[in-house]
C-alpha atoms as a PDB file:
ATOM      1  CA  MET A   1     191.332  40.241 211.096  1.00  0.00           C
ATOM      2  CA  SER A   2     190.641  42.152 214.016  1.00  0.00           C
ATOM      3  CA  GLN A   3     191.739  46.064 213.887  1.00  0.00           C
ATOM      4  CA  ARG A   4     194.641  47.104 215.920  1.00  0.00           C
ATOM      5  CA  VAL A   5     194.919  49.677 218.570  1.00  0.00           C
ATOM      6  CA  SER A   6     197.513  51.018 220.765  1.00  0.00           C
ATOM      7  CA  ILE A   7     196.363  51.723 224.444  1.00  0.00           C
ATOM      8  CA  ILE A   8     198.381  54.925 225.612  1.00  0.00           C
ATOM      9  CA  GLN A   9     198.447  55.497 229.336  1.00  0.00           C
ATOM     10  CA  HIS A  10     199.372  58.686 231.066  1.00  0.00           C
ATOM     11  CA  PHE A  11     201.463  57.574 234.264  1.00  0.00           C
ATOM     12  CA  THR A  12     202.151  59.964 237.058  1.00  0.00           C
ATOM     13  CA  GLY A  13     203.532  57.912 239.634  1.00  0.00           C
ATOM     14  CA  ASP A  14     201.142  55.498 240.948  1.00  0.00           C
ATOM     15  CA  LEU A  15     202.720  51.953 240.699  1.00  0.00           C
ATOM     16  CA  PRO A  16     200.137  49.676 242.133  1.00  0.00           C
ATOM     17  CA  SER A  17     197.286  51.204 240.119  1.00  0.00           C
ATOM     18  CA  LEU A  18     199.217  50.758 236.948  1.00  0.00           C
ATOM     19  CA  GLY A  19     199.961  47.724 237.755  1.00  0.00           C
ATOM     20  CA  ALA A  20     196.186  46.447 238.572  1.00  0.00           C
ATOM     21  CA  HIS A  21     195.290  47.716 235.517  1.00  0.00           C
ATOM     22  CA  LEU A  22     198.272  45.988 233.365  1.00  0.00           C
ATOM     23  CA  THR A  23     197.204  42.646 235.379  1.00  0.00           C
ATOM     24  CA  ASP A  24     193.705  42.978 234.384  1.00  0.00           C
ATOM     25  CA  LEU A  25     194.745  44.400 230.178  1.00  0.00           C
ATOM     26  CA  ALA A  26     197.070  41.409 229.438  1.00  0.00           C
ATOM     27  CA  HIS A  27     194.288  38.699 229.551  1.00  0.00           C
ATOM     28  CA  GLU A  28     192.204  41.244 227.630  1.00  0.00           C
ATOM     29  CA  LEU A  29     195.069  41.769 224.766  1.00  0.00           C
ATOM     30  CA  GLY A  30     195.884  38.354 224.831  1.00  0.00           C
ATOM     31  CA  ALA A  31     192.132  37.021 224.289  1.00  0.00           C
ATOM     32  CA  ARG A  32     191.725  39.632 221.615  1.00  0.00           C
ATOM     33  CA  GLY A  33     194.981  38.529 219.833  1.00  0.00           C
ATOM     34  CA  ALA A  34     194.620  41.250 217.532  1.00  0.00           C
ATOM     35  CA  GLY A  35     198.597  42.651 217.997  1.00  0.00           C
ATOM     36  CA  ASP A  36     196.997  45.099 220.416  1.00  0.00           C
ATOM     37  CA  GLU A  37     200.089  47.368 222.165  1.00  0.00           C
ATOM     38  CA  MET A  38     200.359  49.004 225.370  1.00  0.00           C
ATOM     39  CA  ILE A  39     202.056  52.361 225.845  1.00  0.00           C
ATOM     40  CA  VAL A  40     202.823  54.139 228.835  1.00  0.00           C
ATOM     41  CA  VAL A  41     204.153  57.400 228.993  1.00  0.00           C
ATOM     42  CA  ASP A  42     205.798  58.572 232.267  1.00  0.00           C
ATOM     43  CA  ASP A  43     205.144  62.047 233.265  1.00  0.00           C
ATOM     44  CA  THR A  44     207.200  61.656 236.416  1.00  0.00           C
ATOM     45  CA  GLY A  45     210.259  63.067 235.329  1.00  0.00           C
ATOM     46  CA  HIS A  46     211.888  60.426 237.949  1.00  0.00           C
ATOM     47  CA  GLU A  47     213.591  56.944 236.152  1.00  0.00           C
ATOM     48  CA  GLY A  48     212.641  53.569 237.834  1.00  0.00           C
ATOM     49  CA  LEU A  49     209.657  53.037 235.821  1.00  0.00           C
ATOM     50  CA  ALA A  50     211.849  51.410 233.001  1.00  0.00           C
ATOM     51  CA  GLY A  51     213.097  48.882 235.440  1.00  0.00           C
ATOM     52  CA  TRP A  52     209.540  47.856 236.871  1.00  0.00           C
ATOM     53  CA  LEU A  53     208.122  47.457 234.086  1.00  0.00           C
ATOM     54  CA  GLU A  54     210.707  45.424 232.441  1.00  0.00           C
ATOM     55  CA  GLN A  55     210.412  43.219 235.373  1.00  0.00           C
ATOM     56  CA  HIS A  56     206.942  42.737 236.016  1.00  0.00           C
ATOM     57  CA  PHE A  57     205.498  43.729 232.617  1.00  0.00           C
ATOM     58  CA  PRO A  58     208.149  43.623 230.000  1.00  0.00           C
ATOM     59  CA  TRP A  59     204.984  43.637 227.167  1.00  0.00           C
ATOM     60  CA  VAL A  60     204.921  47.162 228.244  1.00  0.00           C
ATOM     61  CA  ARG A  61     206.803  49.748 225.475  1.00  0.00           C
ATOM     62  CA  LEU A  62     207.431  52.928 227.904  1.00  0.00           C
ATOM     63  CA  VAL A  63     207.827  56.680 226.623  1.00  0.00           C
ATOM     64  CA  ASN A  64     210.084  58.567 229.048  1.00  0.00           C
ATOM     65  CA  LYS A  65     209.176  62.476 229.387  1.00  0.00           C
ATOM     66  CA  ASN A  66     212.209  64.905 230.648  1.00  0.00           C
ATOM     67  CA  ARG A  67     209.661  66.904 232.863  1.00  0.00           C
ATOM     68  CA  PRO A  68     205.967  66.584 234.297  1.00  0.00           C
ATOM     69  CA  GLU A  69     203.969  68.567 231.425  1.00  0.00           C
ATOM     70  CA  GLY A  70     200.686  67.082 231.891  1.00  0.00           C
ATOM     71  CA  ARG A  71     198.080  64.892 230.002  1.00  0.00           C
ATOM     72  CA  SER A  72     198.096  66.421 226.700  1.00  0.00           C
ATOM     73  CA  LYS A  73     201.461  66.368 226.366  1.00  0.00           C
ATOM     74  CA  ALA A  74     201.781  63.169 227.107  1.00  0.00           C
ATOM     75  CA  GLN A  75     199.201  61.595 224.930  1.00  0.00           C
ATOM     76  CA  LEU A  76     200.286  63.565 221.824  1.00  0.00           C
ATOM     77  CA  LEU A  77     204.267  61.977 222.775  1.00  0.00           C
ATOM     78  CA  GLY A  78     202.711  58.272 222.937  1.00  0.00           C
ATOM     79  CA  ALA A  79     200.570  58.864 219.875  1.00  0.00           C
ATOM     80  CA  GLN A  80     203.530  59.965 217.846  1.00  0.00           C
ATOM     81  CA  ALA A  81     205.171  56.617 219.369  1.00  0.00           C
ATOM     82  CA  ALA A  82     201.748  54.093 218.334  1.00  0.00           C
ATOM     83  CA  GLN A  83     202.056  51.812 215.418  1.00  0.00           C
ATOM     84  CA  ASN A  84     198.604  50.743 215.413  1.00  0.00           C
ATOM     85  CA  GLU A  85     195.385  52.559 213.461  1.00  0.00           C
ATOM     86  CA  PHE A  86     193.609  53.574 216.406  1.00  0.00           C
ATOM     87  CA  LEU A  87     194.451  55.018 219.613  1.00  0.00           C
ATOM     88  CA  LEU A  88     192.183  54.679 222.861  1.00  0.00           C
ATOM     89  CA  LEU A  89     193.925  57.325 225.225  1.00  0.00           C
ATOM     90  CA  LEU A  90     193.883  56.864 229.371  1.00  0.00           C
ATOM     91  CA  GLY A  91     194.096  59.050 231.722  1.00  0.00           C
ATOM     92  CA  PRO A  92     196.084  57.821 234.983  1.00  0.00           C
ATOM     93  CA  ALA A  93     192.917  56.484 236.780  1.00  0.00           C
ATOM     94  CA  MET A  94     191.171  54.612 234.015  1.00  0.00           C
ATOM     95  CA  ARG A  95     191.289  50.864 233.500  1.00  0.00           C
ATOM     96  CA  VAL A  96     190.253  49.105 230.721  1.00  0.00           C
ATOM     97  CA  THR A  97     187.472  46.179 231.135  1.00  0.00           C
ATOM     98  CA  ARG A  98     186.982  43.013 229.297  1.00  0.00           C
ATOM     99  CA  GLY A  99     185.469  43.300 226.007  1.00  0.00           C
ATOM    100  CA  ALA A 100     185.881  47.008 225.633  1.00  0.00           C
ATOM    101  CA  LEU A 101     188.085  47.124 222.583  1.00  0.00           C
ATOM    102  CA  GLY A 102     185.594  45.300 220.268  1.00  0.00           C
ATOM    103  CA  PRO A 103     182.517  47.790 220.601  1.00  0.00           C
ATOM    104  CA  LEU A 104     184.815  50.959 220.319  1.00  0.00           C
ATOM    105  CA  ILE A 105     186.566  49.685 217.260  1.00  0.00           C
ATOM    106  CA  ALA A 106     182.947  48.689 215.417  1.00  0.00           C
ATOM    107  CA  ALA A 107     181.319  52.311 216.171  1.00  0.00           C
ATOM    108  CA  MET A 108     184.248  53.907 214.365  1.00  0.00           C
ATOM    109  CA  SER A 109     182.560  52.262 211.560  1.00  0.00           C
ATOM    110  CA  GLY A 110     179.686  55.069 211.454  1.00  0.00           C
ATOM    111  CA  PRO A 111     179.001  57.345 209.045  1.00  0.00           C
ATOM    112  CA  ASN A 112     181.545  60.617 209.756  1.00  0.00           C
ATOM    113  CA  VAL A 113     182.462  59.398 213.206  1.00  0.00           C
ATOM    114  CA  PHE A 114     185.708  61.004 214.375  1.00  0.00           C
ATOM    115  CA  ALA A 115     185.715  59.275 217.654  1.00  0.00           C
ATOM    116  CA  VAL A 116     183.890  57.495 220.445  1.00  0.00           C
ATOM    117  CA  ALA A 117     183.927  57.230 223.910  1.00  0.00           C
ATOM    118  CA  PRO A 118     183.847  54.272 226.354  1.00  0.00           C
ATOM    119  CA  ARG A 119     180.896  54.498 229.291  1.00  0.00           C
ATOM    120  CA  ILE A 120     183.070  55.804 232.116  1.00  0.00           C
ATOM    121  CA  VAL A 121     182.159  54.161 235.506  1.00  0.00           C
ATOM    122  CA  ASN A 122     183.659  54.641 239.312  1.00  0.00           C
ATOM    123  CA  GLY A 123     185.699  51.365 239.962  1.00  0.00           C
ATOM    124  CA  VAL A 124     184.646  51.378 243.878  1.00  0.00           C
ATOM    125  CA  SER A 125     181.111  52.787 243.689  1.00  0.00           C
ATOM    126  CA  GLY A 126     179.850  51.961 240.477  1.00  0.00           C
ATOM    127  CA  GLU A 127     178.155  55.126 239.368  1.00  0.00           C
ATOM    128  CA  VAL A 128     178.146  55.901 236.058  1.00  0.00           C
ATOM    129  CA  GLU A 129     179.540  58.996 234.219  1.00  0.00           C
ATOM    130  CA  LEU A 130     177.038  59.948 231.457  1.00  0.00           C
ATOM    131  CA  PRO A 131     178.293  62.728 229.129  1.00  0.00           C
ATOM    132  CA  GLY A 132     175.755  65.694 228.798  1.00  0.00           C
ATOM    133  CA  ALA A 133     175.161  68.405 226.487  1.00  0.00           C
ATOM    134  CA  LEU A 134     177.458  71.618 225.747  1.00  0.00           C
ATOM    135  CA  ALA A 135     175.321  75.033 226.294  1.00  0.00           C
ATOM    136  CA  MET A 136     175.662  78.199 226.698  1.00  0.00           C
ATOM    137  CA  GLU A 137     174.873  80.027 230.175  1.00  0.00           C
ATOM    138  CA  GLU A 138     175.105  83.755 230.607  1.00  0.00           C
ATOM    139  CA  SER A 139     177.474  83.771 227.374  1.00  0.00           C
ATOM    140  CA  ARG A 140     179.176  81.606 228.776  1.00  0.00           C
ATOM    141  CA  PRO A 141     179.889  77.558 227.435  1.00  0.00           C
ATOM    142  CA  VAL A 142     178.691  75.248 230.431  1.00  0.00           C
ATOM    143  CA  VAL A 143     178.928  70.991 230.596  1.00  0.00           C
ATOM    144  CA  LEU A 144     175.220  70.316 231.751  1.00  0.00           C
ATOM    145  CA  PRO A 145     174.560  67.095 233.756  1.00  0.00           C
ATOM    146  CA  SER A 146     173.178  64.590 231.503  1.00  0.00           C
ATOM    147  CA  PRO A 147     169.098  63.471 232.114  1.00  0.00           C
ATOM    148  CA  LEU A 148     169.334  60.235 230.610  1.00  0.00           C
ATOM    149  CA  GLY A 149     169.370  57.209 232.800  1.00  0.00           C
ATOM    150  CA  VAL A 150     172.133  54.505 233.387  1.00  0.00           C
ATOM    151  CA  ASP A 151     170.062  51.790 231.528  1.00  0.00           C
ATOM    152  CA  GLU A 152     170.783  54.031 228.169  1.00  0.00           C
ATOM    153  CA  ALA A 153     172.516  51.505 225.869  1.00  0.00           C
ATOM    154  CA  HIS A 154     172.289  53.222 222.716  1.00  0.00           C
ATOM    155  CA  LEU A 155     174.949  54.828 220.842  1.00  0.00           C
ATOM    156  CA  ARG A 156     174.874  58.877 221.721  1.00  0.00           C
ATOM    157  CA  PRO A 157     176.270  61.758 219.936  1.00  0.00           C
ATOM    158  CA  ILE A 158     178.200  63.417 222.828  1.00  0.00           C
ATOM    159  CA  PRO A 159     179.690  67.159 222.589  1.00  0.00           C
ATOM    160  CA  PHE A 160     182.969  65.603 223.533  1.00  0.00           C
ATOM    161  CA  ALA A 161     184.954  62.691 224.778  1.00  0.00           C
ATOM    162  CA  SER A 162     186.712  63.256 227.951  1.00  0.00           C
ATOM    163  CA  GLY A 163     190.713  63.074 227.301  1.00  0.00           C
ATOM    164  CA  ALA A 164     191.089  60.553 230.094  1.00  0.00           C
ATOM    165  CA  ALA A 165     189.052  57.778 227.850  1.00  0.00           C
ATOM    166  CA  LEU A 166     189.067  58.952 224.105  1.00  0.00           C
ATOM    167  CA  PHE A 167     189.396  56.364 221.031  1.00  0.00           C
ATOM    168  CA  LEU A 168     190.014  57.796 217.595  1.00  0.00           C
ATOM    169  CA  ARG A 169     192.357  56.782 214.435  1.00  0.00           C
ATOM    170  CA  ARG A 170     195.789  57.753 214.925  1.00  0.00           C
ATOM    171  CA  GLU A 171     196.087  59.260 211.909  1.00  0.00           C
ATOM    172  CA  ALA A 172     193.118  62.007 212.619  1.00  0.00           C
ATOM    173  CA  PHE A 173     194.732  62.396 216.442  1.00  0.00           C
ATOM    174  CA  LEU A 174     198.251  63.549 214.970  1.00  0.00           C
ATOM    175  CA  ALA A 175     196.650  65.201 212.004  1.00  0.00           C
ATOM    176  CA  ARG A 176     195.355  67.721 214.632  1.00  0.00           C
ATOM    177  CA  ALA A 177     198.798  67.966 216.578  1.00  0.00           C
ATOM    178  CA  GLY A 178     197.294  66.338 219.650  1.00  0.00           C
ATOM    179  CA  PHE A 179     194.884  68.345 221.770  1.00  0.00           C
ATOM    180  CA  GLU A 180     195.183  72.638 221.418  1.00  0.00           C
ATOM    181  CA  ASP A 181     197.652  74.362 222.801  1.00  0.00           C
ATOM    182  CA  LEU A 182     195.903  77.281 223.839  1.00  0.00           C
ATOM    183  CA  PHE A 183     194.350  75.116 226.521  1.00  0.00           C
ATOM    184  CA  ALA A 184     197.274  74.309 228.920  1.00  0.00           C
ATOM    185  CA  PRO A 185     196.695  72.984 231.749  1.00  0.00           C
ATOM    186  CA  PRO A 186     194.312  70.667 230.132  1.00  0.00           C
ATOM    187  CA  TYR A 187     190.960  72.017 230.608  1.00  0.00           C
ATOM    188  CA  TRP A 188     188.493  72.381 227.882  1.00  0.00           C
ATOM    189  CA  ASP A 189     190.953  70.769 225.561  1.00  0.00           C
ATOM    190  CA  ASP A 190     189.032  67.981 225.079  1.00  0.00           C
ATOM    191  CA  VAL A 191     185.924  69.887 224.599  1.00  0.00           C
ATOM    192  CA  ASP A 192     187.837  71.848 222.091  1.00  0.00           C
ATOM    193  CA  LEU A 193     188.797  68.958 220.366  1.00  0.00           C
ATOM    194  CA  GLY A 194     184.904  67.269 220.271  1.00  0.00           C
ATOM    195  CA  LEU A 195     183.740  71.012 219.268  1.00  0.00           C
ATOM    196  CA  THR A 196     185.696  71.759 216.161  1.00  0.00           C
ATOM    197  CA  ALA A 197     184.909  68.034 214.970  1.00  0.00           C
ATOM    198  CA  TRP A 198     181.479  68.712 215.075  1.00  0.00           C
ATOM    199  CA  ARG A 199     181.827  72.032 213.051  1.00  0.00           C
ATOM    200  CA  GLN A 200     183.437  70.429 210.519  1.00  0.00           C
ATOM    201  CA  GLY A 201     180.627  67.935 209.772  1.00  0.00           C
ATOM    202  CA  LEU A 202     182.202  65.030 211.817  1.00  0.00           C
ATOM    203  CA  ARG A 203     180.295  63.287 214.767  1.00  0.00           C
ATOM    204  CA  LEU A 204     181.406  62.190 218.622  1.00  0.00           C
ATOM    205  CA  LEU A 205     179.299  59.326 220.089  1.00  0.00           C
ATOM    206  CA  GLU A 206     179.405  57.327 223.435  1.00  0.00           C
ATOM    207  CA  VAL A 207     179.578  53.287 223.254  1.00  0.00           C
ATOM    208  CA  PRO A 208     178.051  52.096 226.620  1.00  0.00           C
ATOM    209  CA  GLN A 209     178.905  48.761 226.015  1.00  0.00           C
ATOM    210  CA  ALA A 210     182.380  49.690 226.086  1.00  0.00           C
ATOM    211  CA  VAL A 211     183.541  50.387 230.009  1.00  0.00           C
ATOM    212  CA  VAL A 212     186.180  51.883 231.123  1.00  0.00           C
ATOM    213  CA  GLU A 213     186.673  51.932 235.056  1.00  0.00           C
ATOM    214  CA  ARG A 214     188.003  55.123 237.035  1.00  0.00           C
ATOM    215  CA  HIS A 215     189.663  54.565 240.493  1.00  0.00           C
ATOM    216  CA  PRO A 216     191.339  57.038 242.825  1.00  0.00           C
ATOM    217  CA  ILE A 217     195.138  56.985 242.640  1.00  0.00           C
ATOM    218  CA  ASP A 218     197.866  58.239 244.297  1.00  0.00           C
ATOM    219  CA  HIS A 219     199.445  62.092 243.073  1.00  0.00           C
ATOM    220  CA  PRO A 220     203.279  62.088 244.201  1.00  0.00           C
ATOM    221  CA  GLU A 221     203.431  65.639 242.250  1.00  0.00           C
ATOM    222  CA  VAL A 222     202.591  68.465 243.900  1.00  0.00           C
ATOM    223  CA  LEU A 223     199.270  69.570 244.057  1.00  0.00           C
ATOM    224  CA  THR A 224     198.127  72.740 242.189  1.00  0.00           C
ATOM    225  CA  PRO A 225     195.893  75.072 244.984  1.00  0.00           C
ATOM    226  CA  PRO A 226     192.113  75.418 243.912  1.00  0.00           C
ATOM    227  CA  ALA A 227     192.095  78.815 243.068  1.00  0.00           C
ATOM    228  CA  VAL A 228     194.941  78.208 240.589  1.00  0.00           C
ATOM    229  CA  ASP A 229     192.666  74.865 239.316  1.00  0.00           C
ATOM    230  CA  ARG A 230     189.767  77.152 239.174  1.00  0.00           C
ATOM    231  CA  ALA A 231     191.521  80.128 237.155  1.00  0.00           C
ATOM    232  CA  ALA A 232     192.663  77.726 234.320  1.00  0.00           C
ATOM    233  CA  ILE A 233     188.963  76.707 234.077  1.00  0.00           C
ATOM    234  CA  GLU A 234     187.700  80.125 233.862  1.00  0.00           C
ATOM    235  CA  ARG A 235     189.920  81.552 231.466  1.00  0.00           C
ATOM    236  CA  GLY A 236     189.700  78.367 229.505  1.00  0.00           C
ATOM    237  CA  ARG A 237     185.704  78.976 229.277  1.00  0.00           C
ATOM    238  CA  LEU A 238     186.528  81.985 227.359  1.00  0.00           C
ATOM    239  CA  HIS A 239     189.494  80.975 225.107  1.00  0.00           C
ATOM    240  CA  LEU A 240     186.464  78.043 224.394  1.00  0.00           C
ATOM    241  CA  TYR A 241     183.951  80.693 223.134  1.00  0.00           C
ATOM    242  CA  TRP A 242     186.080  83.776 221.854  1.00  0.00           C
ATOM    243  CA  LYS A 243     188.170  80.840 219.815  1.00  0.00           C
ATOM    244  CA  HIS A 244     184.293  79.498 218.019  1.00  0.00           C
ATOM    245  CA  LEU A 245     182.281  82.840 218.350  1.00  0.00           C
ATOM    246  CA  ASP A 246     180.695  82.926 214.652  1.00  0.00           C
ATOM    247  CA  HIS A 247     177.678  85.908 214.714  1.00  0.00           C
ATOM    248  CA  ARG A 248     178.231  89.394 215.042  1.00  0.00           C
ATOM    249  CA  GLY A 249     175.048  89.544 217.436  1.00  0.00           C
ATOM    250  CA  ASP A 250     176.406  87.178 219.908  1.00  0.00           C
ATOM    251  CA  ALA A 251     179.693  88.748 220.089  1.00  0.00           C
ATOM    252  CA  ALA A 252     177.962  91.932 220.643  1.00  0.00           C
ATOM    253  CA  GLN A 253     176.220  90.252 223.527  1.00  0.00           C
ATOM    254  CA  HIS A 254     179.245  88.840 224.908  1.00  0.00           C
ATOM    255  CA  VAL A 255     180.942  91.763 225.100  1.00  0.00           C
ATOM    256  CA  GLN A 256     177.951  93.586 227.557  1.00  0.00           C
ATOM    257  CA  THR A 257     178.320  90.367 229.541  1.00  0.00           C
ATOM    258  CA  LEU A 258     181.192  90.752 230.051  1.00  0.00           C
ATOM    259  CA  TRP A 259     181.288  94.211 231.223  1.00  0.00           C
ATOM    260  CA  ARG A 260     178.027  93.874 233.447  1.00  0.00           C
ATOM    261  CA  ASP A 261     180.012  90.918 235.409  1.00  0.00           C
ATOM    262  CA  SER A 262     183.340  93.063 235.502  1.00  0.00           C
ATOM    263  CA  VAL A 263     181.216  95.879 236.741  1.00  0.00           C
ATOM    264  CA  ASP A 264     179.737  93.965 239.526  1.00  0.00           C
ATOM    265  CA  ALA A 265     182.510  91.699 240.380  1.00  0.00           C
ATOM    266  CA  ALA A 266     184.303  95.104 240.858  1.00  0.00           C
ATOM    267  CA  LEU A 267     181.238  96.403 243.017  1.00  0.00           C
ATOM    268  CA  HIS A 268     181.417  93.278 245.123  1.00  0.00           C
ATOM    269  CA  ASP A 269     185.085  93.109 245.650  1.00  0.00           C
ATOM    270  CA  ARG A 270     185.254  89.787 243.622  1.00  0.00           C
ATOM    271  CA  ARG A 271     188.410  90.183 242.764  1.00  0.00           C
ATOM    272  CA  GLU A 272     189.263  87.188 241.151  1.00  0.00           C
ATOM    273  CA  GLU A 273     186.605  87.206 238.182  1.00  0.00           C
ATOM    274  CA  LEU A 274     188.419  90.153 237.503  1.00  0.00           C
ATOM    275  CA  ILE A 275     191.830  88.131 237.498  1.00  0.00           C
ATOM    276  CA  TRP A 276     190.082  85.477 235.571  1.00  0.00           C
ATOM    277  CA  LEU A 277     188.917  87.688 232.743  1.00  0.00           C
ATOM    278  CA  ALA A 278     192.465  89.607 232.675  1.00  0.00           C
ATOM    279  CA  MET A 279     194.382  86.126 232.365  1.00  0.00           C
ATOM    280  CA  ALA A 280     191.886  85.173 229.567  1.00  0.00           C
ATOM    281  CA  LEU A 281     192.282  88.580 227.588  1.00  0.00           C
ATOM    282  CA  GLU A 282     196.423  88.340 227.771  1.00  0.00           C
ATOM    283  CA  ASP A 283     196.194  85.028 225.635  1.00  0.00           C
ATOM    284  CA  LEU A 284     193.847  87.031 222.751  1.00  0.00           C
ATOM    285  CA  ASP A 285     196.541  86.596 220.524  1.00  0.00           C
ATOM    286  CA  GLU A 286     197.206  82.937 220.589  1.00  0.00           C
ATOM    287  CA  VAL A 287     193.181  82.831 220.753  1.00  0.00           C
ATOM    288  CA  THR A 288     193.069  84.631 217.575  1.00  0.00           C
ATOM    289  CA  THR A 289     195.670  82.056 216.140  1.00  0.00           C
ATOM    290  CA  SER A 290     194.088  78.886 217.421  1.00  0.00           C
ATOM    291  CA  ARG A 291     190.743  80.198 215.916  1.00  0.00           C
ATOM    292  CA  SER A 292     192.484  80.878 211.891  1.00  0.00           C
ATOM    293  CA  ARG A 293     193.970  77.664 212.357  1.00  0.00           C
ATOM    294  CA  VAL A 294     190.197  75.407 212.365  1.00  0.00           C
ATOM    295  CA  LYS A 295     189.666  74.431 208.793  1.00  0.00           C
ATOM    296  CA  GLY A 296     186.976  73.012 206.598  1.00  0.00           C
ATOM    297  CA  VAL A 297     184.241  74.681 208.998  1.00  0.00           C
ATOM    298  CA  GLN A 298     180.702  73.459 207.650  1.00  0.00           C
ATOM    299  CA  VAL A 299     178.171  73.931 210.754  1.00  0.00           C
ATOM    300  CA  GLY A 300     178.127  76.981 213.366  1.00  0.00           C
ATOM    301  CA  TRP A 301     178.334  76.998 217.149  1.00  0.00           C
ATOM    302  CA  LYS A 302     175.002  76.940 218.164  1.00  0.00           C
ATOM    303  CA  ASP A 303     173.984  74.331 215.099  1.00  0.00           C
ATOM    304  CA  ALA A 304     176.911  72.008 216.787  1.00  0.00           C
ATOM    305  CA  LEU A 305     175.885  72.628 220.298  1.00  0.00           C
ATOM    306  CA  ARG A 306     172.346  70.659 218.769  1.00  0.00           C
ATOM    307  CA  ALA A 307     173.719  68.289 216.751  1.00  0.00           C
ATOM    308  CA  SER A 308     175.982  67.456 219.736  1.00  0.00           C
ATOM    309  CA  ASP A 309     173.220  67.164 222.407  1.00  0.00           C
ATOM    310  CA  PRO A 310     173.210  63.634 223.994  1.00  0.00           C
ATOM    311  CA  THR A 311     169.394  63.942 224.277  1.00  0.00           C
ATOM    312  CA  ARG A 312     168.266  64.766 220.526  1.00  0.00           C
ATOM    313  CA  LEU A 313     167.609  61.692 219.513  1.00  0.00           C
END
């Protein structure tokens, strides 16, 4: 008997995009006949989706949220409502293609696999989004571009699976209470989830045979100014390193780098960089608390980076 999957889609208001995905997905789930379920988490804070789903897609379950809170909260609520062994967490722009679920389930049977990622393809251009390595540059974590070719068809280790297309066991996701609240808004939360798993001796893999397409969507909600987005990204970058930093020598080098960069930013009137650091330092207690919650660490930060590098095989 096929193992069952709960597909959880974060919804931010684009009905045509959701309708297109559900139309295609109905054929996939019907062909599998495995008892899979589709859950849509309405993160708009408005009413109306329930009636639309009842009219057009009555087989879809709906989870309503009182106010918009972003992907991480929405996916956790969906996981709590799910009934099946496996979860496929999807962002609003993602659509599952035919035959994707089988390879994802099969990949989870490997030893010590915490989660897997489908191959993400741009639904308009056909461009493939290949995962790169997580590395350190100037004492800060960065995600490198992948040197692999689009014809690479082997299972590969990856440092993290994007929160927009993540496949894992429901029990494992709920045991961690989903993504870490420290990284709200959701930048670096999926990287933290993957890195924590690698440090605990678990693995994450990309599954090229399972394809999820990224399609443009309309965002009816108020868009965040780019400067605010950048501040959240840079604050989260520091939080990630502070949470997983595990050697005194690296810590000393990091402090020296922060001091040098801060002086340079002040001298050249790059005030935004000082703001990023100040924002990160304001949350230092929360970082310490988050760090203390990581249990069962078997692998150091640097060893985890090496083990999760997609190019190492």
